N, C-alpha and C. Protein backbone atom coordinates (compact mmCIF):
# COMPACT_ATOMS: atom_id res chain seq x y z
N UNK A 1 0.93 -1.08 -0.06
CA UNK A 1 -0.05 -0.23 0.04
C UNK A 1 0.82 1.22 -0.02
N UNK A 2 0.54 2.21 -0.87
CA UNK A 2 1.16 3.53 -0.77
C UNK A 2 0.10 4.46 -0.27
N UNK A 3 0.99 5.32 0.68
CA UNK A 3 0.17 6.65 1.48
C UNK A 3 0.59 7.76 0.53
N UNK A 4 -0.63 8.65 -0.15
CA UNK A 4 -0.45 9.66 -1.00
C UNK A 4 -1.00 10.82 0.11
N UNK A 5 -0.03 11.96 -0.01
CA UNK A 5 -0.12 12.99 0.74
C UNK A 5 -0.11 14.20 0.13
N UNK A 6 -0.79 15.29 0.35
CA UNK A 6 -0.51 16.72 0.05
C UNK A 6 -1.53 16.90 -1.29
N UNK A 7 -0.86 17.35 -2.02
CA UNK A 7 -1.56 17.83 -3.53
C UNK A 7 -1.17 17.10 -4.74
N UNK A 8 -2.20 16.26 -5.57
CA UNK A 8 -1.67 15.46 -6.48
C UNK A 8 -2.05 16.33 -7.87
N UNK A 9 -1.00 17.39 -8.09
CA UNK A 9 -0.83 18.42 -8.94
C UNK A 9 0.28 18.20 -9.91
N UNK A 10 0.29 19.05 -10.95
CA UNK A 10 1.55 19.48 -11.71
C UNK A 10 2.58 18.40 -12.00
N UNK A 11 3.63 18.56 -11.40
CA UNK A 11 4.96 17.53 -11.41
C UNK A 11 4.65 16.35 -10.62
N UNK A 12 3.57 16.31 -9.38
CA UNK A 12 3.89 15.40 -8.86
C UNK A 12 2.64 14.18 -9.48
N UNK A 13 1.91 14.53 -10.25
CA UNK A 13 1.30 13.78 -10.89
C UNK A 13 2.05 12.61 -11.58
N UNK A 14 3.39 13.01 -12.30
CA UNK A 14 4.24 12.30 -12.88
C UNK A 14 5.04 11.32 -11.88
N UNK A 15 5.23 12.07 -10.92
CA UNK A 15 5.97 11.56 -9.75
C UNK A 15 5.13 10.28 -9.16
N UNK A 16 3.76 10.52 -9.01
CA UNK A 16 3.07 9.30 -8.58
C UNK A 16 3.25 8.16 -9.78
N UNK A 17 2.88 8.57 -10.82
CA UNK A 17 2.78 7.71 -12.06
C UNK A 17 4.04 6.63 -11.96
N UNK A 18 5.42 7.39 -11.87
CA UNK A 18 6.74 6.81 -11.67
C UNK A 18 6.45 5.70 -10.53
N UNK A 19 6.16 6.46 -9.48
CA UNK A 19 6.45 5.48 -8.21
C UNK A 19 5.14 4.19 -8.40
N UNK A 20 4.33 4.60 -8.95
CA UNK A 20 3.11 3.31 -8.84
C UNK A 20 3.81 2.19 -9.90
N UNK A 21 4.73 2.65 -11.12
CA UNK A 21 5.50 2.00 -11.85
C UNK A 21 6.38 1.45 -11.44
N UNK A 22 7.18 1.97 -10.74
CA UNK A 22 8.29 1.36 -9.64
C UNK A 22 7.99 0.26 -8.82
N UNK A 23 6.92 0.45 -8.19
CA UNK A 23 6.21 -0.58 -7.14
C UNK A 23 5.70 -2.08 -7.78
N UNK A 24 5.78 -2.04 -8.98
CA UNK A 24 5.48 -3.07 -10.23
C UNK A 24 3.95 -3.18 -10.49
N UNK A 25 3.35 -1.87 -10.67
CA UNK A 25 2.32 -1.99 -11.45
C UNK A 25 2.38 -2.54 -13.07
N UNK A 26 3.19 -2.15 -13.54
CA UNK A 26 3.66 -2.65 -14.97
C UNK A 26 3.69 -4.16 -15.02
N UNK A 27 4.13 -4.79 -13.84
CA UNK A 27 4.49 -6.30 -13.59
C UNK A 27 3.10 -7.02 -13.17
N UNK A 28 2.06 -6.29 -13.01
CA UNK A 28 1.07 -6.86 -12.54
C UNK A 28 0.78 -7.18 -11.43
N UNK A 29 1.48 -6.38 -10.28
CA UNK A 29 1.20 -6.35 -8.86
C UNK A 29 0.13 -5.53 -8.55
N UNK A 30 -0.76 -5.55 -7.59
CA UNK A 30 -2.04 -5.12 -7.30
C UNK A 30 -1.44 -3.91 -6.29
N UNK A 31 -1.96 -2.83 -6.35
CA UNK A 31 -1.48 -1.72 -5.63
C UNK A 31 -2.85 -1.13 -4.87
N UNK A 32 -2.47 -0.69 -3.78
CA UNK A 32 -3.80 -0.12 -2.97
C UNK A 32 -2.79 1.46 -2.75
N UNK A 33 -3.60 2.51 -3.29
CA UNK A 33 -3.32 3.74 -2.72
C UNK A 33 -3.99 4.51 -1.72
N UNK A 34 -3.81 4.92 -0.60
CA UNK A 34 -4.54 5.59 0.55
C UNK A 34 -4.68 7.00 0.21
N UNK A 35 -5.59 7.26 0.08
CA UNK A 35 -5.48 8.76 -0.35
C UNK A 35 -6.20 9.77 0.72
N UNK A 36 -6.05 9.04 2.09
CA UNK A 36 -6.68 9.95 3.41
C UNK A 36 -6.02 11.25 3.68
N UNK A 37 -4.77 11.33 3.17
CA UNK A 37 -4.14 12.66 3.46
C UNK A 37 -3.80 13.58 2.17
N UNK A 38 -4.81 13.33 0.94
CA UNK A 38 -4.77 14.24 -0.22
C UNK A 38 -5.64 15.57 0.02
N UNK A 39 -5.04 16.39 -0.13
CA UNK A 39 -5.98 17.63 0.07
C UNK A 39 -6.57 17.84 -1.34
N UNK A 40 -6.19 17.89 -2.25
CA UNK A 40 -6.26 18.37 -3.44
C UNK A 40 -6.09 17.63 -4.79
N UNK A 41 -6.65 17.35 -5.71
CA UNK A 41 -6.54 16.78 -7.08
C UNK A 41 -6.50 17.58 -8.01
N UNK A 42 -5.70 18.26 -8.91
CA UNK A 42 -6.20 18.82 -10.23
C UNK A 42 -6.62 18.01 -11.46
N UNK A 43 -6.94 18.55 -12.52
CA UNK A 43 -7.39 17.60 -13.36
C UNK A 43 -6.50 16.38 -14.05
N UNK A 44 -5.24 16.98 -14.08
CA UNK A 44 -4.19 15.74 -14.44
C UNK A 44 -4.28 14.71 -13.25
N UNK A 45 -4.09 15.24 -12.12
CA UNK A 45 -4.06 14.15 -11.19
C UNK A 45 -5.50 13.34 -10.99
N UNK A 46 -6.57 13.89 -11.48
CA UNK A 46 -8.12 13.08 -11.39
C UNK A 46 -7.72 12.24 -12.65
N UNK A 47 -7.17 12.62 -13.83
CA UNK A 47 -7.12 11.83 -14.58
C UNK A 47 -6.07 10.30 -14.61
N UNK A 48 -4.97 10.85 -13.80
CA UNK A 48 -4.17 9.64 -13.39
C UNK A 48 -4.75 8.66 -12.44
N UNK A 49 -5.45 9.22 -11.40
CA UNK A 49 -6.34 8.35 -10.53
C UNK A 49 -7.27 7.68 -11.13
N UNK A 50 -8.08 8.26 -12.08
CA UNK A 50 -9.00 7.05 -12.82
C UNK A 50 -8.09 6.11 -13.84
N UNK A 51 -7.15 6.59 -14.20
CA UNK A 51 -6.36 5.77 -15.07
C UNK A 51 -5.63 4.48 -14.17
N UNK A 52 -5.43 4.90 -13.31
CA UNK A 52 -4.64 3.87 -12.26
C UNK A 52 -5.87 2.62 -11.84
N UNK A 53 -7.21 3.32 -11.50
CA UNK A 53 -8.18 2.61 -10.91
C UNK A 53 -8.57 1.55 -12.22
N UNK A 54 -8.48 2.23 -13.21
CA UNK A 54 -8.60 1.14 -14.32
C UNK A 54 -8.02 0.17 -14.82
N UNK A 55 -6.52 0.24 -14.18
CA UNK A 55 -5.47 -0.60 -14.10
C UNK A 55 -5.38 -1.41 -12.73
N UNK A 56 -6.79 -1.48 -12.20
CA UNK A 56 -6.79 -2.25 -11.08
C UNK A 56 -6.21 -1.88 -9.86
N UNK A 57 -5.76 -0.60 -9.79
CA UNK A 57 -4.93 -0.10 -8.52
C UNK A 57 -6.69 0.35 -7.58
N UNK A 58 -6.40 0.03 -6.52
CA UNK A 58 -7.46 0.33 -5.30
C UNK A 58 -7.13 1.76 -4.82
N UNK A 59 -8.08 2.51 -4.86
CA UNK A 59 -8.08 3.85 -4.27
C UNK A 59 -9.03 3.61 -2.85
N UNK A 60 -8.45 4.19 -1.83
CA UNK A 60 -8.96 3.85 -0.57
C UNK A 60 -8.98 5.36 0.40
N UNK A 61 -9.82 5.47 0.80
CA UNK A 61 -9.89 6.80 2.26
C UNK A 61 -9.78 8.29 1.61
N UNK A 62 -10.35 8.41 0.31
CA UNK A 62 -10.50 9.89 -0.03
C UNK A 62 -11.24 10.68 0.62
N UNK A 63 -10.88 11.93 0.90
CA UNK A 63 -11.37 12.98 1.44
C UNK A 63 -12.50 13.20 0.93
N UNK A 64 -13.59 14.06 1.25
CA UNK A 64 -14.74 14.51 0.89
C UNK A 64 -14.62 15.07 -0.76
N UNK A 65 -13.86 16.41 -0.51
CA UNK A 65 -13.25 17.00 -1.61
C UNK A 65 -12.91 15.97 -2.75
N UNK A 66 -12.01 15.12 -2.39
CA UNK A 66 -11.31 14.25 -3.75
C UNK A 66 -12.31 13.43 -4.19
N UNK A 67 -12.93 13.01 -3.21
CA UNK A 67 -14.06 11.87 -3.61
C UNK A 67 -15.02 12.72 -4.72
N UNK A 68 -15.35 13.69 -4.50
CA UNK A 68 -16.05 14.46 -5.16
C UNK A 68 -15.50 15.07 -6.66
N UNK A 69 -14.20 15.10 -6.72
CA UNK A 69 -13.61 15.28 -7.98
C UNK A 69 -13.56 13.92 -8.87
N UNK A 70 -13.32 13.07 -8.23
CA UNK A 70 -13.08 11.69 -8.78
C UNK A 70 -14.69 11.50 -9.56
N UNK A 71 -15.56 11.76 -8.65
CA UNK A 71 -17.19 11.50 -8.80
C UNK A 71 -17.36 12.08 -10.39
N UNK A 72 -17.10 13.39 -10.12
CA UNK A 72 -17.42 14.49 -11.22
C UNK A 72 -16.71 14.05 -12.58
N UNK A 73 -15.24 13.40 -12.47
CA UNK A 73 -14.67 12.95 -13.38
C UNK A 73 -15.09 11.96 -13.87
N UNK A 74 -15.70 10.87 -13.03
CA UNK A 74 -16.36 9.60 -13.94
C UNK A 74 -17.57 9.81 -14.46
N UNK A 75 -18.29 10.79 -13.96
CA UNK A 75 -19.52 11.06 -14.79
C UNK A 75 -19.26 11.75 -16.09
N UNK A 76 -18.30 12.22 -16.28
CA UNK A 76 -17.76 12.87 -17.44
C UNK A 76 -17.38 11.63 -18.61
N UNK A 77 -17.02 10.66 -17.91
CA UNK A 77 -16.75 9.68 -18.98
C UNK A 77 -17.56 8.27 -19.19
N UNK A 78 -18.84 8.63 -18.63
CA UNK A 78 -19.86 7.81 -18.66
C UNK A 78 -19.84 6.82 -17.78
N UNK A 79 -19.12 6.71 -16.88
CA UNK A 79 -18.96 5.59 -15.81
C UNK A 79 -19.44 6.17 -14.24
N UNK A 80 -20.36 5.00 -13.98
CA UNK A 80 -20.82 5.41 -12.62
C UNK A 80 -20.13 4.88 -11.59
N UNK A 81 -19.46 5.59 -10.77
CA UNK A 81 -18.67 4.73 -9.36
C UNK A 81 -19.21 5.50 -8.21
N UNK A 82 -19.11 4.58 -7.02
CA UNK A 82 -19.35 5.07 -5.99
C UNK A 82 -18.03 5.72 -5.30
N UNK A 83 -17.94 6.80 -4.73
CA UNK A 83 -16.85 7.49 -4.50
C UNK A 83 -17.08 7.96 -3.27
N UNK A 84 -17.34 7.22 -2.23
CA UNK A 84 -17.93 7.43 -0.92
C UNK A 84 -16.50 8.35 -0.35
N UNK A 85 -16.44 9.21 0.83
CA UNK A 85 -15.31 9.57 1.17
C UNK A 85 -14.67 8.51 2.21
N UNK A 86 -15.53 7.85 2.39
CA UNK A 86 -14.96 6.46 3.72
C UNK A 86 -14.89 5.25 2.80
N UNK A 87 -13.60 4.95 2.97
CA UNK A 87 -13.30 3.22 2.58
C UNK A 87 -12.76 3.26 1.28
N UNK A 88 -13.16 1.95 0.54
CA UNK A 88 -12.66 1.85 -0.92
C UNK A 88 -13.73 2.68 -2.10
N UNK A 89 -12.75 2.82 -2.86
CA UNK A 89 -13.63 3.41 -4.17
C UNK A 89 -13.95 2.37 -5.00
N UNK A 90 -15.23 1.65 -5.44
CA UNK A 90 -15.64 1.12 -6.10
C UNK A 90 -15.90 1.58 -7.67
């Protein structure tokens, strides 16, 4: 499990992508990202988190703001996902 903190914006988006790849994502290893300490996600960060979710990365414990950002992004791609601010994003 990886714990993500702060803001997922700008250069940090690519840093998170690289970190996930280094943890074995490209080798098919299942990853979990704990988003409890993420304060904000910009459009690029939201896109990355949705991409990671589609690659079978489990996202857990998003704050209410982050959960809403992910929900808004998911509704834009026609997908319906439950992004509650507690627990796992399904």
